[in-house]
Amino acid sequence: MMITILAAAMTILMLIATAVGVHQEAERVRLKDRSDRSRGFGRY
């Protein structure tokens, strides 16, 4: 019984950690896209 509860708790924690990681990565991509767009034309 205890093992099942621990396994369920670890699964929930891993799902939360994955959601936070995906959110941070999406925010990073969004900020990079915004900074690329704000530079205008050309490479510089």
Protein backbone atom coordinates (compact mmCIF):
# COMPACT_ATOMS: atom_id res chain seq x y z
CA MET A 1 0.00 0.00 0.00
CA MET A 2 2.78 2.41 0.93
CA ILE A 3 4.66 1.70 -2.31
CA THR A 4 1.54 2.48 -4.35
CA ILE A 5 1.07 5.82 -2.60
CA LEU A 6 4.74 6.72 -3.10
CA ALA A 7 4.56 5.76 -6.78
CA ALA A 8 1.43 7.86 -7.28
CA ALA A 9 3.01 10.83 -5.50
CA MET A 10 6.17 10.60 -7.62
CA THR A 11 4.10 10.35 -10.80
CA ILE A 12 2.15 13.48 -9.90
CA LEU A 13 5.36 15.35 -9.03
CA MET A 14 6.95 14.34 -12.35
CA LEU A 15 3.87 15.54 -14.26
CA ILE A 16 4.05 18.89 -12.46
CA ALA A 17 7.79 19.18 -13.14
CA THR A 18 7.22 18.39 -16.83
CA ALA A 19 4.47 21.01 -17.09
CA VAL A 20 6.72 23.64 -15.48
CA GLY A 21 9.57 22.74 -17.82
CA VAL A 22 7.38 22.96 -20.91
CA HIS A 23 6.02 26.30 -19.74
CA GLN A 24 9.52 27.72 -19.21
CA GLU A 25 10.68 26.48 -22.62
CA ALA A 26 7.65 28.02 -24.33
CA GLU A 27 8.31 31.33 -22.55
CA ARG A 28 11.96 31.26 -23.67
CA VAL A 29 10.95 30.62 -27.29
CA ARG A 30 8.32 33.37 -27.11
CA LEU A 31 10.84 35.90 -25.78
CA LYS A 32 13.40 34.91 -28.44
CA ASP A 33 10.80 35.26 -31.17
CA ARG A 34 9.78 38.69 -29.85
CA SER A 35 13.39 39.93 -29.72
CA ASP A 36 14.05 38.64 -33.25
CA ARG A 37 10.99 40.46 -34.54
CA SER A 38 11.82 43.72 -32.78
CA ARG A 39 15.21 44.00 -34.48
CA GLY A 40 13.67 44.73 -37.85
CA PHE A 41 15.18 43.81 -41.18
CA GLY A 42 18.63 42.37 -41.76
CA ARG A 43 20.88 40.35 -39.58
CA TYR A 44 21.86 43.06 -37.09
